[in-house]
Protein backbone atom coordinates (compact mmCIF):
# COMPACT_ATOMS: atom_id res chain seq x y z
CA MET A 1 0.00 0.00 0.00
CA VAL A 2 1.43 3.37 -0.96
CA GLU A 3 1.57 6.10 1.64
CA GLY A 4 -1.29 4.81 3.71
CA SER A 5 -4.36 6.97 4.09
CA MET A 6 -2.53 10.18 3.40
CA THR A 7 -2.28 9.87 -0.36
CA GLN A 8 -4.41 11.91 -2.66
CA GLY A 9 -6.27 10.89 -5.76
CA ALA A 10 -4.97 11.60 -9.24
CA GLY A 11 -7.58 14.19 -10.16
CA GLN A 12 -7.59 16.59 -13.03
CA GLY A 13 -7.46 20.08 -11.53
CA PRO A 14 -4.38 22.30 -11.16
CA ALA A 15 -1.92 21.51 -8.35
CA MET A 16 -2.59 23.60 -5.23
CA ARG A 17 -1.84 23.72 -1.53
CA THR A 18 -4.83 22.89 0.64
CA ASP A 19 -5.52 21.90 4.20
CA THR A 20 -5.43 18.16 3.49
CA LEU A 21 -3.33 16.02 1.20
CA ARG A 22 -6.40 14.40 -0.35
CA ASP A 23 -7.26 17.64 -2.19
CA PHE A 24 -4.13 17.67 -4.35
CA ARG A 25 -4.58 17.13 -8.05
CA VAL A 26 -2.31 16.29 -10.94
CA PRO A 27 -2.53 18.68 -13.93
CA VAL A 28 -3.69 17.03 -17.15
CA SER A 29 -3.28 19.87 -19.64
CA GLU A 30 -0.19 20.17 -21.82
CA PRO A 31 2.29 22.22 -19.77
CA ALA A 32 4.56 24.86 -21.21
CA PRO A 33 8.09 23.65 -22.02
CA HIS A 34 10.58 24.04 -19.19
CA LYS A 35 14.30 24.30 -19.06
CA ALA A 36 16.03 22.59 -16.17
CA SER A 37 16.61 25.17 -13.47
CA THR A 38 19.77 25.77 -11.51
CA GLY A 39 17.78 27.53 -8.82
CA LEU A 40 19.14 30.92 -9.88
CA PRO A 41 16.81 33.59 -11.29
CA GLY A 42 17.38 33.78 -15.05
CA ASP A 43 20.26 31.29 -15.06
CA ALA A 44 20.83 28.89 -17.91
CA PRO A 45 20.80 25.16 -17.09
CA GLY A 46 23.89 24.28 -15.12
CA TYR A 47 24.29 20.52 -15.02
CA GLY A 48 25.59 17.91 -17.40
CA GLY A 49 26.73 14.34 -17.08
CA HIS A 50 30.25 14.95 -15.84
CA PRO A 51 31.84 11.88 -14.23
CA ALA A 52 34.38 14.09 -12.40
CA TYR A 53 31.58 15.64 -10.37
CA TYR A 54 29.22 12.72 -9.92
CA GLY A 55 31.81 10.16 -8.94
CA GLY A 56 32.15 7.95 -11.97
CA ALA A 57 30.76 7.24 -15.38
CA PRO A 58 27.05 7.95 -15.67
CA THR A 59 24.92 4.87 -15.19
CA PRO A 60 22.63 4.24 -18.15
CA VAL A 61 18.96 4.30 -17.26
CA PRO A 62 16.67 1.89 -19.10
CA PRO A 63 14.04 3.60 -21.29
CA VAL A 64 10.46 3.51 -20.05
CA PRO A 65 7.96 1.88 -22.41
CA GLY A 66 5.63 4.40 -23.94
CA TYR A 67 7.34 7.50 -22.61
CA VAL A 68 7.97 10.31 -25.07
CA PRO A 69 9.69 13.43 -23.65
CA GLY A 70 7.46 16.46 -23.85
CA GLN A 71 4.17 14.53 -23.87
CA PRO A 72 1.95 14.40 -20.78
CA GLU A 73 0.24 11.17 -21.92
CA TYR A 74 2.76 8.95 -20.16
CA LEU A 75 0.54 5.90 -20.05
CA GLY A 76 1.02 4.29 -23.46
CA SER A 77 2.22 0.75 -24.04
CA THR A 78 4.13 1.20 -27.29
CA PRO A 79 7.83 1.61 -26.61
CA THR A 80 9.25 4.82 -28.03
CA ALA A 81 12.98 5.32 -28.33
CA ARG A 82 14.32 8.33 -26.47
CA PRO A 83 17.08 10.42 -28.00
CA ALA A 84 20.43 10.04 -26.34
CA PRO A 85 21.18 12.90 -23.92
CA GLU A 86 23.58 15.52 -25.19
CA THR A 87 27.04 15.14 -23.81
CA VAL A 88 29.46 17.97 -23.27
CA PRO A 89 33.19 17.69 -22.75
CA HIS A 90 34.25 18.55 -19.21
CA GLN A 91 35.22 22.22 -18.98
CA ARG A 92 37.89 23.56 -16.65
CA THR A 93 38.64 27.18 -15.98
CA ALA A 94 42.31 27.91 -15.36
CA THR A 95 43.05 30.46 -12.66
CA ALA A 96 46.68 31.28 -11.85
CA ARG A 97 47.70 31.48 -8.18
CA ALA A 98 48.74 34.92 -7.06
CA ASP A 99 51.72 33.52 -5.16
CA ALA A 100 53.14 31.28 -7.87
CA PRO A 101 54.44 31.68 -11.42
CA ALA A 102 52.44 30.41 -14.33
CA PRO A 103 53.01 26.67 -14.84
CA GLU A 104 55.34 25.56 -17.58
CA PRO A 105 53.75 23.71 -20.50
CA GLY A 106 53.41 20.04 -19.65
CA ASP A 107 54.05 20.63 -15.94
CA ASP A 108 51.31 18.51 -14.37
CA GLU A 109 52.86 17.90 -10.97
CA PRO A 110 51.94 20.22 -8.07
CA ASP A 111 54.83 21.84 -6.22
CA ASP A 112 55.32 21.79 -2.45
CA GLY A 113 52.74 23.84 -0.61
CA TYR A 114 50.37 23.60 -3.56
CA THR A 115 46.89 24.93 -2.92
CA PRO A 116 44.02 23.97 -5.24
CA THR A 117 42.62 26.81 -7.32
CA GLN A 118 39.39 27.30 -9.13
CA ARG A 119 40.65 25.17 -12.01
CA ASP A 120 40.53 22.13 -9.71
CA LEU A 121 36.88 22.54 -8.79
CA PRO A 122 34.00 20.94 -10.67
CA VAL A 123 32.63 23.11 -13.47
CA ILE A 124 29.23 21.82 -14.35
CA GLY A 125 27.63 22.74 -17.65
CA ARG A 126 25.33 21.65 -20.43
CA GLY A 127 25.78 24.32 -23.10
CA ALA A 128 27.53 23.04 -26.19
CA GLN A 129 29.09 26.39 -26.95
CA GLY A 130 30.81 26.85 -23.62
CA GLY A 131 29.85 30.51 -23.62
CA PRO A 132 28.81 32.72 -20.72
CA GLY A 133 25.90 31.32 -18.77
CA ASP A 134 26.64 27.74 -19.76
CA THR A 135 28.48 26.83 -16.57
CA VAL A 136 28.14 27.26 -12.83
CA GLN A 137 31.37 28.69 -11.47
CA VAL A 138 32.33 28.00 -7.86
CA GLN A 139 34.65 30.27 -5.90
CA TYR A 140 37.44 28.62 -3.93
CA VAL A 141 37.96 29.55 -0.29
CA PRO A 142 41.60 29.37 0.93
CA GLN A 143 42.37 26.54 3.31
CA GLU A 144 43.29 28.89 6.14
CA ALA A 145 39.67 30.03 6.17
CA GLN A 146 38.60 26.42 6.63
CA ALA A 147 40.91 25.56 9.52
CA THR A 148 38.40 26.35 12.27
CA GLY A 149 36.76 22.92 12.09
CA PRO A 150 33.24 21.97 11.04
CA GLY A 151 30.64 24.70 10.97
CA PRO A 152 27.10 24.67 12.36
CA LEU A 153 24.78 21.82 11.39
CA TYR A 154 21.41 22.45 9.72
CA VAL A 155 18.68 20.08 8.56
CA VAL A 156 15.85 20.63 6.07
CA GLY A 157 12.53 18.81 6.15
CA ASP A 158 10.47 17.61 3.20
CA VAL A 159 10.41 20.17 0.35
CA HIS A 160 8.04 18.47 -2.14
CA GLY A 161 8.66 20.88 -5.00
CA TYR A 162 8.11 24.14 -3.11
CA LEU A 163 11.22 25.89 -4.40
CA ASP A 164 10.22 29.45 -3.44
CA GLU A 165 9.47 28.43 0.15
CA LEU A 166 12.80 26.60 0.33
CA VAL A 167 14.71 29.64 -0.92
CA THR A 168 12.93 31.86 1.62
CA GLU A 169 13.86 29.60 4.54
CA LEU A 170 17.47 29.09 3.44
CA GLN A 171 17.88 32.85 3.13
CA ALA A 172 16.30 33.37 6.56
CA GLN A 173 19.04 31.15 8.02
CA ASP A 174 21.74 33.01 6.02
CA LEU A 175 22.65 29.81 4.20
CA ILE A 176 22.21 31.37 0.76
CA ASP A 177 22.31 34.98 -0.41
CA ALA A 178 19.89 37.07 -2.46
CA ASP A 179 21.20 35.43 -5.63
CA ARG A 180 20.53 31.96 -4.20
CA ARG A 181 24.22 31.16 -3.86
CA TRP A 182 25.85 29.45 -0.89
CA SER A 183 26.82 32.07 1.69
CA ALA A 184 27.33 29.98 4.85
CA GLY A 185 31.05 29.22 4.62
CA ASN A 186 31.86 25.97 6.39
CA ALA A 187 28.30 25.29 7.58
CA ARG A 188 26.88 21.79 7.11
CA LEU A 189 23.45 21.32 5.57
CA TRP A 190 21.50 18.06 5.30
CA PHE A 191 18.27 17.59 3.38
CA LEU A 192 16.12 14.75 4.71
CA GLY A 193 14.65 13.75 1.32
CA ASP A 194 11.40 14.11 -0.63
CA PHE A 195 12.35 16.86 -3.08
CA THR A 196 9.59 16.32 -5.63
CA ASP A 197 5.86 15.60 -6.07
CA ARG A 198 2.83 17.60 -4.91
CA GLY A 199 4.57 20.97 -5.31
CA PRO A 200 5.17 22.91 -8.55
CA ASP A 201 8.95 22.65 -9.13
CA GLY A 202 10.58 19.48 -7.88
CA ILE A 203 13.27 19.49 -10.57
CA GLY A 204 14.12 23.09 -9.68
CA VAL A 205 14.59 21.98 -6.06
CA ILE A 206 16.93 19.17 -7.11
CA ASP A 207 18.94 21.50 -9.36
CA LEU A 208 19.34 24.00 -6.52
CA VAL A 209 20.52 21.34 -4.06
CA MET A 210 22.97 19.91 -6.59
CA ARG A 211 24.48 23.33 -7.23
CA LEU A 212 24.66 24.24 -3.55
CA SER A 213 26.51 20.96 -2.95
CA ALA A 214 29.33 22.14 -5.22
CA GLU A 215 29.36 25.68 -3.83
CA ALA A 216 29.34 24.56 -0.19
CA ALA A 217 32.20 22.12 -0.78
CA ALA A 218 34.24 24.90 -2.37
CA ALA A 219 33.63 27.09 0.68
CA GLY A 220 34.75 24.45 3.18
CA GLY A 221 31.29 23.26 4.20
CA TYR A 222 28.89 20.84 2.62
CA CYS A 223 25.33 20.41 1.44
CA LYS A 224 24.17 16.78 1.34
CA ALA A 225 20.91 14.90 1.04
CA LEU A 226 19.21 11.67 2.07
CA MET A 227 16.96 9.48 -0.03
CA GLY A 228 13.25 9.72 0.63
CA ASN A 229 10.39 7.53 -0.49
CA HIS A 230 9.45 10.06 -3.18
CA GLU A 231 12.92 9.78 -4.72
CA LEU A 232 12.36 6.03 -4.96
CA LEU A 233 8.90 6.66 -6.39
CA LEU A 234 10.16 9.01 -9.08
CA ILE A 235 13.04 6.69 -9.98
CA GLY A 236 10.57 3.83 -10.30
CA ALA A 237 8.08 5.82 -12.37
CA LYS A 238 10.82 6.83 -14.81
CA ARG A 239 12.52 3.45 -15.05
CA PHE A 240 9.54 1.11 -14.97
CA GLY A 241 6.49 3.20 -15.92
CA ASP A 242 3.36 1.03 -16.03
CA THR A 243 5.21 -2.29 -15.67
CA PRO A 244 3.17 -4.39 -13.21
CA VAL A 245 4.80 -5.00 -9.83
CA HIS A 246 3.74 -7.29 -7.00
CA SER A 247 2.46 -5.43 -3.94
CA GLY A 248 0.77 -6.47 -0.75
CA ALA A 249 -2.54 -5.23 -2.15
CA GLY A 250 -2.23 -7.00 -5.51
CA THR A 251 -0.77 -5.74 -8.76
CA ALA A 252 0.37 -2.13 -8.91
CA THR A 253 2.53 0.10 -11.10
CA PHE A 254 5.02 2.85 -10.27
CA GLN A 255 3.31 5.12 -12.78
CA ALA A 256 -0.06 4.88 -11.03
CA ALA A 257 1.50 5.22 -7.57
CA TRP A 258 3.50 8.27 -8.64
CA LEU A 259 0.39 10.02 -9.97
CA LEU A 260 -1.62 9.03 -6.90
CA ASN A 261 1.05 10.51 -4.64
CA GLY A 262 1.23 13.90 -6.29
CA GLY A 263 3.50 13.28 -9.27
CA GLN A 264 3.79 16.37 -11.47
CA ARG A 265 3.97 15.87 -15.23
CA THR A 266 6.21 18.90 -15.62
CA ASP A 267 8.75 17.25 -13.32
CA MET A 268 8.69 14.08 -15.41
CA GLU A 269 9.21 16.03 -18.62
CA ARG A 270 12.22 17.88 -17.16
CA LEU A 271 13.72 14.84 -15.45
CA GLU A 272 17.10 13.94 -16.93
CA ASP A 273 19.58 11.11 -16.45
CA VAL A 274 21.76 13.36 -14.30
CA HIS A 275 18.88 13.79 -11.84
CA LEU A 276 18.25 10.05 -11.76
CA GLN A 277 21.92 9.32 -11.15
CA TRP A 278 22.06 11.86 -8.33
CA MET A 279 18.94 10.51 -6.64
CA SER A 280 19.97 6.86 -6.95
CA ARG A 281 23.31 7.59 -5.21
CA LEU A 282 21.82 9.32 -2.17
CA ASP A 283 22.42 7.67 1.19
CA ALA A 284 19.53 6.47 3.31
CA ALA A 285 21.01 7.28 6.74
CA THR A 286 23.85 9.23 8.31
CA LEU A 287 25.13 10.16 11.77
CA GLU A 288 26.00 13.81 12.47
CA ASP A 289 26.97 15.20 15.87
CA GLY A 290 25.05 12.50 17.71
CA HIS A 291 21.97 12.88 15.49
CA LEU A 292 20.85 9.86 13.46
CA LEU A 293 19.40 11.45 10.32
CA LEU A 294 16.77 9.43 8.43
CA HIS A 295 13.98 10.26 6.04
CA SER A 296 11.26 7.99 7.40
CA ASP A 297 10.04 7.42 10.95
CA THR A 298 10.22 3.66 10.55
CA THR A 299 12.39 0.79 11.82
CA ALA A 300 12.52 -0.71 8.30
CA TYR A 301 16.13 0.50 8.01
CA LEU A 302 17.05 -2.43 10.27
CA ASP A 303 16.14 -4.78 7.41
CA TYR A 304 19.14 -3.57 5.40
CA GLY A 305 22.08 -3.84 7.77
CA ASP A 306 23.53 -3.51 11.25
CA SER A 307 25.54 -0.37 10.46
CA ILE A 308 24.86 2.83 8.56
CA GLU A 309 27.45 1.85 5.97
CA ASP A 310 25.76 -1.52 5.44
CA VAL A 311 22.34 0.08 5.07
CA ASN A 312 23.54 2.56 2.47
CA ASP A 313 25.57 -0.02 0.54
CA THR A 314 22.70 -2.52 0.51
CA ILE A 315 20.13 -0.01 -0.74
CA HIS A 316 22.49 1.25 -3.47
CA GLU A 317 23.15 -2.33 -4.58
CA LEU A 318 19.44 -3.14 -4.71
CA LEU A 319 18.68 -0.04 -6.77
CA ASN A 320 21.46 -0.87 -9.20
CA ARG A 321 19.74 -4.14 -10.06
CA ASN A 322 17.11 -2.15 -12.01
CA ASP A 323 14.44 -4.60 -10.90
CA ALA A 324 10.89 -3.25 -10.62
CA ASP A 325 9.79 -5.57 -7.80
CA ILE A 326 12.94 -4.92 -5.74
CA THR A 327 12.60 -1.16 -6.19
CA TRP A 328 8.92 -1.36 -5.24
CA ASP A 329 9.78 -3.20 -2.04
CA LEU A 330 12.28 -0.45 -1.16
CA PHE A 331 9.64 2.20 -1.83
CA ARG A 332 7.03 0.33 0.22
CA LYS A 333 9.32 0.04 3.26
CA PHE A 334 10.45 3.68 3.06
CA THR A 335 6.79 4.70 2.99
CA LYS A 336 6.07 3.21 6.42
CA ARG A 337 5.59 5.78 9.17
CA PHE A 338 4.56 6.51 12.78
CA ALA A 339 6.90 3.94 14.37
CA PHE A 340 7.80 6.45 17.12
CA ARG A 341 4.39 8.02 17.74
CA ASP A 342 2.87 5.62 20.24
CA GLU A 343 3.68 6.69 23.81
CA GLU A 344 4.41 3.12 24.92
CA THR A 345 6.14 1.53 21.92
CA GLY A 346 7.59 4.63 20.23
CA PRO A 347 10.56 5.27 22.54
CA HIS A 348 11.53 1.58 22.32
CA ALA A 349 11.54 1.76 18.50
CA VAL A 350 13.78 4.84 18.54
CA ARG A 351 16.17 3.19 21.03
CA GLU A 352 16.39 0.13 18.78
CA LEU A 353 17.60 2.30 15.91
CA LEU A 354 19.98 4.31 18.09
CA GLY A 355 21.36 1.16 19.68
CA THR A 356 22.12 -0.27 16.25
CA TYR A 357 23.38 2.78 14.37
CA GLY A 358 24.54 5.12 17.14
CA GLY A 359 23.54 8.60 18.18
CA GLY A 360 21.38 10.08 20.88
CA ARG A 361 18.42 11.27 18.81
CA VAL A 362 16.69 10.39 15.56
CA VAL A 363 15.90 13.31 13.25
CA HIS A 364 13.42 12.47 10.48
CA GLY A 365 11.04 13.88 7.90
CA HIS A 366 8.31 11.98 6.03
CA SER A 367 5.40 12.19 8.50
CA PRO A 368 3.95 15.71 8.63
CA ILE A 369 3.96 17.15 12.12
CA PRO A 370 0.23 17.99 11.88
CA TYR A 371 -0.46 14.27 11.57
CA LEU A 372 1.85 13.39 14.45
CA LEU A 373 0.05 15.96 16.61
CA GLY A 374 -3.43 15.00 15.45
CA GLU A 375 -3.98 18.52 14.11
CA VAL A 376 -5.28 17.27 10.77
CA GLY A 377 -8.22 14.94 10.91
CA THR A 378 -9.44 12.13 8.73
CA GLU A 379 -10.40 12.39 5.08
CA ASP A 380 -13.97 12.99 6.25
CA GLY A 381 -12.84 16.46 7.29
CA ASP A 382 -12.82 15.98 11.04
CA GLY A 383 -9.79 17.73 12.50
CA ALA A 384 -8.63 19.97 15.26
CA ARG A 385 -6.29 22.85 14.50
CA GLY A 386 -4.91 23.52 11.05
CA PRO A 387 -1.31 22.81 9.99
CA GLU A 388 -0.48 26.52 10.07
CA ALA A 389 -0.02 26.04 13.83
CA VAL A 390 3.31 24.30 13.13
CA ASP A 391 6.20 26.74 13.51
CA GLY A 392 9.09 24.44 14.40
CA PRO A 393 10.25 20.82 14.80
CA HIS A 394 8.31 18.38 16.95
CA VAL A 395 10.31 16.66 19.71
CA TYR A 396 8.63 13.48 20.97
CA ALA A 397 9.17 9.83 21.98
CA GLU A 398 10.58 10.86 25.36
CA GLY A 399 12.76 13.44 23.65
CA LEU A 400 14.49 10.85 21.47
CA ALA A 401 12.91 11.81 18.11
CA ILE A 402 12.69 15.09 16.20
CA ALA A 403 10.15 15.39 13.36
CA MET A 404 11.07 17.87 10.62
CA ASP A 405 8.21 17.70 8.09
CA GLY A 406 6.25 20.86 8.87
CA GLY A 407 3.54 20.07 6.32
CA VAL A 408 4.42 22.48 3.52
CA THR A 409 2.08 20.54 1.22
CA MET A 410 -0.80 21.34 3.58
CA ALA A 411 -0.15 25.08 3.86
CA GLY A 412 2.18 24.36 6.76
CA LYS A 413 5.81 25.40 7.15
CA LEU A 414 8.96 24.22 5.39
CA LEU A 415 11.47 23.75 8.20
CA VAL A 416 15.18 24.62 8.05
CA VAL A 417 16.60 24.20 11.56
CA GLN A 418 20.00 24.33 13.24
CA LEU A 419 20.97 21.37 15.43
CA PRO A 420 21.19 20.77 18.30
CA LEU A 421 17.81 22.14 19.28
CA ARG A 422 17.59 24.33 22.34
CA ASP A 423 14.72 22.60 24.10
């Protein structure tokens, strides 16, 4: 079963934010063409399939039967060949060091005391001409500015395509500037997953996070992300389309589940291999400053290993099999929720995870805080307060768990929070 009772039907009205998830609709009309966004106002697309940046040769993604880029009718059964993505030679910008002479031709070996310059940083581009606007340049910060140790730690809850809200919250925390560029030096930023679906610009969110990852690394910090169930859902919808998979409730398809859970056709049309590669390589869990960061509030992670490294390696290996049933099982387990909510059993579930993987607290997204608090009622409309009452993380399970999904899809708040919490 996909996302329990909190999924919404695949209706035919425009996507909108409402008080309950069930009111979301998937647009059916032909959308206007989009260019992949870098997250910068007016910027040209800034990503290409560069192995130097993404850690190896791009992994080919099997074509989806019946999918034709640019067409919203992604339900056909006749296979249609997709054109091969454009490839661009890796571009490097040479910048001479102020304290060293220009290198001699053929001199490839660094001298003693060598400090990397901008030429050593990833330059990510798609434009075939290599002209202005075709690349994202990253400024190098000297090592002496990085010698103070790790910077403050921030986490971001579920974004679900709400790019403008994300930008607003990142700017409020001084993590990015008015031009949407990394401005936090050696700060550390973790996204807890679920970048797409339900909101209007999931691909724009992914492009922004990818670019900030390069900029933060150049500044001595980092911007990283975890895999959520909606990343698995989008990967499955792209790879397997309407191929039948075996589920606990009978036969299902990734295509139907993606639409049912807020899939946006504009995201699918703009989705490229580079996005799929990035999503499929995300880790499922990490430990930062005593905080066990996960996407889902479930103990299903224990099914994949007794250490964080084992969990991440196992999930990556399973995804690389390109098997629809295996990917569906991953998606189904990541969709489980509420393991920590019960007052009696919840703390025990959190301690089981912490005892296995380490840390003193679990920090998760996935389950909107309004649902954890009972502030949004059933699909019959019975509820207490609205999700706008959420203005910060929810600490529960005897203080062992921190929920970070503020319910942005329900007119709630997109949370960007510094850890540790002062509670």
